[in-house]
Amino acid sequence: MTIKNSKVKIQKSKGNLPATTFEFLLFTFYFLSPLFTCSQILNIDKTDTNAYSPKAGYNFNLSMGLEIDKQKTTLYDATNTAAFSMQKNKELLIVAGSYRFTYNGPEDILNAGYIHLRLRHHYRDKFQPEPFFQYQWDNKRGMEMRVLGGANVRYNFFKGDKFDCNAGLGLFYEAERWDYVGVDSVKVPPNPEPVESNLWKVNSYFRFDWKLSGNSDIVFNVFFQTRPDHFEPRIAPHLQWTINAGKHFGFAVIYGALYDSHPVVPIPKFYYTLSNSITANF
């Protein structure tokens, strides 16, 4: 017996029914595409914010998926993500979280997620401070925990009806603890113990948002991080194509990757994720 629920997002509606055959074919592609997921390097927010207002404005996005497979044992797989933002006066607070698990009887095959907080002060100015905090874990790769906190200086290059571009540069402190679950057995040392790493990192990112039409949007961003005292690059590109296929429904195709030149334990330096989701807009 197999029960599958497609991933669903709830967010503010923006678009109308696609007008092109190409978008219809891409919508069909959703049902044929495979789904892969992995943890993110650092969550980043959208920038189509409202004008300054003394009245608080709120936005909430929710994505949920569940898969249950029954053969000799019952296998549960679920992905849940949520993002909340609040705007008041010249402040924008963003809280985002994600949790994914695959459960097979008494065994957790996959348990991963993150919680992210970000505050943008004077969020429509060219320059703005951007403090952030994140907690993250991923047992499949061996990440028992990652805690980081820091701040960026964000610069908005331009914002228009079709194009939006910004970048950030800052510093953060990162504390990690890893085990050897994701390491090839020939590389595991005798009597392995968890490895801890506590480092300052330089953080930079570039983000570009292109609104192809009233109902189609492409967002590209890339992170670059390294130690300030030693060049150890960590690069993470991210691409998302969102299409609203009507007043209440649409979908998104997302690609993300991570290259870490010096992982804490000897796991592969590169991995990627390709995912897609049906969206419901209310």
Protein backbone atom coordinates (compact mmCIF):
# COMPACT_ATOMS: atom_id res chain seq x y z
CA MET A 1 0.00 0.00 0.00
CA THR A 2 1.32 3.43 -0.90
CA ILE A 3 -0.15 6.78 0.06
CA LYS A 4 1.42 9.91 -1.42
CA ASN A 5 0.56 13.56 -0.86
CA SER A 6 2.24 16.11 -3.11
CA LYS A 7 4.11 18.97 -1.50
CA VAL A 8 1.87 22.01 -1.07
CA LYS A 9 2.80 25.64 -0.50
CA ILE A 10 0.46 28.29 0.88
CA GLN A 11 1.37 31.88 0.09
CA LYS A 12 0.01 35.19 -1.12
CA SER A 13 -1.47 34.93 -4.61
CA LYS A 14 0.23 36.95 -7.35
CA GLY A 15 -0.51 35.52 -10.76
CA ASN A 16 -2.98 34.46 -13.41
CA LEU A 17 -3.31 31.39 -15.63
CA PRO A 18 -0.18 30.82 -17.80
CA ALA A 19 -0.63 32.05 -21.35
CA THR A 20 2.04 30.00 -23.09
CA THR A 21 2.18 26.37 -24.15
CA PHE A 22 5.72 26.21 -22.76
CA GLU A 23 4.51 26.95 -19.25
CA PHE A 24 1.84 24.28 -19.62
CA LEU A 25 4.53 21.77 -20.64
CA LEU A 26 6.63 22.79 -17.66
CA PHE A 27 3.59 22.29 -15.43
CA THR A 28 3.30 18.75 -16.86
CA PHE A 29 7.02 18.26 -16.18
CA TYR A 30 6.29 18.64 -12.47
CA PHE A 31 4.44 15.33 -12.40
CA LEU A 32 7.28 13.54 -14.21
CA SER A 33 10.23 15.01 -12.30
CA PRO A 34 12.13 13.13 -9.58
CA LEU A 35 12.42 14.70 -6.14
CA PHE A 36 15.71 15.09 -4.28
CA THR A 37 16.37 17.14 -1.14
CA CYS A 38 19.30 18.17 1.03
CA SER A 39 19.97 20.83 3.61
CA GLN A 40 20.68 24.44 2.71
CA ILE A 41 23.81 26.42 3.45
CA LEU A 42 21.87 29.47 4.65
CA ASN A 43 18.31 30.56 4.10
CA ILE A 44 17.71 33.76 2.09
CA ASP A 45 14.53 35.81 1.84
CA LYS A 46 12.54 37.28 -1.02
CA THR A 47 12.85 41.03 -1.53
CA ASP A 48 9.48 42.11 -2.99
CA THR A 49 8.64 43.91 0.26
CA ASN A 50 5.92 46.45 0.91
CA ALA A 51 6.39 50.17 1.46
CA TYR A 52 7.21 51.45 4.95
CA SER A 53 4.08 51.54 7.12
CA PRO A 54 3.39 51.97 10.86
CA LYS A 55 0.79 49.22 10.51
CA ALA A 56 2.24 45.72 10.82
CA GLY A 57 2.04 43.49 7.75
CA TYR A 58 2.37 39.71 7.86
CA ASN A 59 3.08 36.95 5.36
CA PHE A 60 3.07 33.19 5.96
CA ASN A 61 4.16 30.43 3.56
CA LEU A 62 3.67 26.75 4.33
CA SER A 63 4.83 23.66 2.43
CA MET A 64 3.95 20.11 3.49
CA GLY A 65 4.50 16.69 1.94
CA LEU A 66 3.88 13.16 3.22
CA GLU A 67 4.61 9.74 1.74
CA ILE A 68 3.73 6.40 3.39
CA ASP A 69 4.88 3.06 1.91
CA LYS A 70 3.71 -0.26 3.35
CA GLN A 71 5.41 -3.56 2.53
CA LYS A 72 6.98 -5.65 5.30
CA THR A 73 7.42 -2.47 7.31
CA THR A 74 5.90 0.99 7.08
CA LEU A 75 8.13 3.72 5.67
CA TYR A 76 7.21 7.34 6.40
CA ASP A 77 8.74 10.27 4.51
CA ALA A 78 7.67 13.86 5.18
CA THR A 79 8.94 17.33 4.32
CA ASN A 80 7.58 20.43 6.06
CA THR A 81 8.76 24.01 5.56
CA ALA A 82 7.37 27.29 6.81
CA ALA A 83 8.34 30.96 6.51
CA PHE A 84 6.90 33.89 8.43
CA SER A 85 7.70 37.56 7.88
CA MET A 86 6.52 40.70 9.64
CA GLN A 87 6.95 44.28 8.40
CA LYS A 88 6.40 47.32 10.58
CA ASN A 89 7.78 50.83 10.14
CA LYS A 90 11.26 50.24 8.69
CA GLU A 91 11.83 46.77 10.13
CA LEU A 92 11.43 43.39 8.42
CA LEU A 93 11.65 40.23 10.54
CA ILE A 94 11.92 36.85 8.80
CA VAL A 95 11.57 33.48 10.55
CA ALA A 96 11.96 30.33 8.44
CA GLY A 97 12.18 26.64 9.24
CA SER A 98 12.30 23.25 7.55
CA TYR A 99 12.06 19.68 8.83
CA ARG A 100 12.38 16.48 6.80
CA PHE A 101 12.40 12.92 8.05
CA THR A 102 12.30 9.38 6.68
CA TYR A 103 11.23 6.87 9.32
CA ASN A 104 11.40 3.08 8.95
CA GLY A 105 10.08 1.36 12.06
CA PRO A 106 12.47 2.18 14.92
CA GLU A 107 15.10 3.63 12.58
CA ASP A 108 15.51 7.22 11.36
CA ILE A 109 16.90 6.95 7.82
CA LEU A 110 16.87 10.74 7.41
CA ASN A 111 16.38 13.54 9.90
CA ALA A 112 17.28 17.03 8.68
CA GLY A 113 16.17 20.61 9.07
CA TYR A 114 16.95 24.19 10.02
CA ILE A 115 15.57 27.20 11.87
CA HIS A 116 16.54 30.64 10.56
CA LEU A 117 15.97 34.18 11.84
CA ARG A 118 16.87 37.38 10.00
CA LEU A 119 16.24 41.07 10.69
CA ARG A 120 16.49 43.74 8.01
CA HIS A 121 16.60 47.34 9.24
CA HIS A 122 15.56 50.09 6.73
CA TYR A 123 14.91 47.24 4.31
CA ARG A 124 14.20 49.48 1.29
CA ASP A 125 17.40 51.56 1.59
CA LYS A 126 20.40 51.02 -0.66
CA PHE A 127 22.51 49.95 2.34
CA GLN A 128 21.04 48.13 5.33
CA PRO A 129 22.28 46.05 8.29
CA GLU A 130 21.15 42.42 8.28
CA PRO A 131 21.82 40.35 11.46
CA PHE A 132 20.92 36.65 11.28
CA PHE A 133 20.94 33.39 13.26
CA GLN A 134 20.55 29.77 12.14
CA TYR A 135 20.42 26.31 13.73
CA GLN A 136 20.75 23.30 11.42
CA TRP A 137 21.12 19.51 11.48
CA ASP A 138 21.38 16.67 8.94
CA ASN A 139 21.98 13.13 10.23
CA LYS A 140 22.43 11.58 6.77
CA ARG A 141 25.55 13.66 6.11
CA GLY A 142 26.74 13.36 9.72
CA MET A 143 25.95 16.93 10.83
CA GLU A 144 24.78 16.57 14.43
CA MET A 145 24.37 20.34 14.70
CA ARG A 146 25.45 23.64 13.17
CA VAL A 147 24.84 26.93 14.97
CA LEU A 148 25.78 30.22 13.36
CA GLY A 149 25.16 33.88 14.00
CA GLY A 150 26.42 37.07 12.41
CA ALA A 151 25.51 40.11 10.34
CA ASN A 152 25.73 41.33 6.75
CA VAL A 153 25.76 44.72 5.13
CA ARG A 154 23.19 44.39 2.36
CA TYR A 155 23.17 46.52 -0.80
CA ASN A 156 20.19 46.86 -3.12
CA PHE A 157 21.52 47.52 -6.63
CA PHE A 158 18.13 48.12 -8.24
CA LYS A 159 14.50 47.13 -7.87
CA GLY A 160 11.99 47.41 -10.70
CA ASP A 161 8.87 45.82 -12.08
CA LYS A 162 10.81 43.02 -13.81
CA PHE A 163 14.29 42.94 -12.21
CA ASP A 164 15.53 42.96 -8.63
CA CYS A 165 19.20 42.65 -7.69
CA ASN A 166 21.04 42.82 -4.37
CA ALA A 167 24.15 41.52 -2.60
CA GLY A 168 25.50 41.18 0.90
CA LEU A 169 28.85 41.00 2.69
CA GLY A 170 29.41 40.16 6.32
CA LEU A 171 30.93 38.01 9.04
CA PHE A 172 29.53 35.19 11.18
CA TYR A 173 30.65 32.69 13.81
CA GLU A 174 29.95 29.02 13.13
CA ALA A 175 29.98 26.11 15.61
CA GLU A 176 29.58 22.58 14.20
CA ARG A 177 29.62 19.00 15.49
CA TRP A 178 29.91 16.09 13.03
CA ASP A 179 30.02 12.31 13.29
CA TYR A 180 31.16 9.77 10.66
CA VAL A 181 27.76 8.51 9.45
CA GLY A 182 28.23 9.99 5.96
CA VAL A 183 31.91 9.02 5.60
CA ASP A 184 33.15 6.12 3.46
CA SER A 185 34.06 3.23 5.77
CA VAL A 186 37.70 3.14 4.54
CA LYS A 187 38.13 6.76 5.72
CA VAL A 188 36.68 6.29 9.21
CA PRO A 189 39.43 6.33 11.88
CA PRO A 190 39.60 3.69 14.64
CA ASN A 191 37.33 4.49 17.61
CA PRO A 192 35.82 7.55 15.91
CA GLU A 193 34.60 10.40 18.08
CA PRO A 194 32.46 13.38 17.02
CA VAL A 195 34.48 16.24 15.54
CA GLU A 196 33.79 19.84 16.54
CA SER A 197 34.67 22.97 14.60
CA ASN A 198 34.36 26.58 15.81
CA LEU A 199 35.37 29.20 13.26
CA TRP A 200 34.74 32.73 12.06
CA LYS A 201 33.63 32.89 8.42
CA VAL A 202 33.31 35.64 5.84
CA ASN A 203 29.86 35.55 4.22
CA SER A 204 28.87 37.05 0.87
CA TYR A 205 25.99 36.53 -1.52
CA PHE A 206 24.50 37.79 -4.77
CA ARG A 207 20.80 37.58 -5.63
CA PHE A 208 18.93 38.28 -8.89
CA ASP A 209 15.15 38.14 -9.35
CA TRP A 210 13.64 38.21 -12.85
CA LYS A 211 9.87 38.41 -13.31
CA LEU A 212 9.36 36.81 -16.71
CA SER A 213 5.64 37.65 -16.72
CA GLY A 214 2.82 38.45 -14.36
CA ASN A 215 2.70 34.81 -13.29
CA SER A 216 6.27 33.56 -13.72
CA ASP A 217 9.35 34.40 -11.65
CA ILE A 218 12.99 33.19 -11.65
CA VAL A 219 15.27 33.77 -8.65
CA PHE A 220 19.00 33.05 -8.66
CA ASN A 221 21.32 33.49 -5.71
CA VAL A 222 24.79 32.26 -4.84
CA PHE A 223 26.64 32.25 -1.51
CA PHE A 224 30.40 32.40 -1.10
CA GLN A 225 31.95 31.77 2.31
CA THR A 226 35.50 31.26 3.57
CA ARG A 227 37.67 31.68 6.65
CA PRO A 228 39.10 35.22 6.96
CA ASP A 229 42.56 33.85 7.86
CA HIS A 230 42.70 30.97 5.37
CA PHE A 231 41.14 30.46 1.93
CA GLU A 232 38.72 27.54 2.28
CA PRO A 233 35.82 28.34 -0.08
CA ARG A 234 32.26 27.13 0.39
CA ILE A 235 30.04 27.93 -2.63
CA ALA A 236 26.29 27.39 -2.82
CA PRO A 237 24.24 28.37 -5.91
CA HIS A 238 20.43 28.26 -5.81
CA LEU A 239 17.91 28.61 -8.66
CA GLN A 240 14.12 28.68 -8.33
CA TRP A 241 11.46 29.00 -11.04
CA THR A 242 7.96 29.73 -9.74
CA ILE A 243 4.85 29.72 -11.95
CA ASN A 244 1.33 30.58 -10.80
CA ALA A 245 -1.05 28.50 -12.93
CA GLY A 246 -4.22 30.37 -12.08
CA LYS A 247 -5.55 32.37 -9.17
CA HIS A 248 -4.98 29.71 -6.52
CA PHE A 249 -2.61 27.10 -7.96
CA GLY A 250 0.90 26.91 -9.37
CA PHE A 251 4.23 25.17 -8.89
CA ALA A 252 7.96 25.72 -8.36
CA VAL A 253 11.10 23.97 -9.62
CA ILE A 254 14.16 24.42 -7.38
CA TYR A 255 17.81 23.51 -7.85
CA GLY A 256 20.46 23.99 -5.16
CA ALA A 257 24.06 22.82 -4.78
CA LEU A 258 26.92 23.05 -2.30
CA TYR A 259 30.67 22.78 -2.77
CA ASP A 260 32.71 22.76 0.45
CA SER A 261 36.46 22.58 -0.14
CA HIS A 262 37.24 21.62 3.48
CA PRO A 263 34.39 19.65 5.11
CA VAL A 264 34.79 18.96 8.83
CA VAL A 265 34.81 15.18 8.17
CA PRO A 266 35.85 13.53 4.85
CA ILE A 267 32.44 13.44 3.15
CA PRO A 268 32.03 14.32 -0.58
CA LYS A 269 32.81 17.97 -1.22
CA PHE A 270 29.90 18.46 -3.63
CA TYR A 271 26.21 17.60 -3.48
CA TYR A 272 23.04 19.03 -4.98
CA THR A 273 19.27 19.06 -4.67
CA LEU A 274 16.52 19.16 -7.31
CA SER A 275 12.95 19.54 -6.07
CA ASN A 276 9.54 20.57 -7.34
CA SER A 277 6.24 21.34 -5.62
CA ILE A 278 2.62 22.13 -6.34
CA THR A 279 1.53 25.44 -4.84
CA ALA A 280 -1.83 26.54 -3.49
CA ASN A 281 -2.26 30.31 -3.11
CA PHE A 282 -4.76 31.81 -0.66
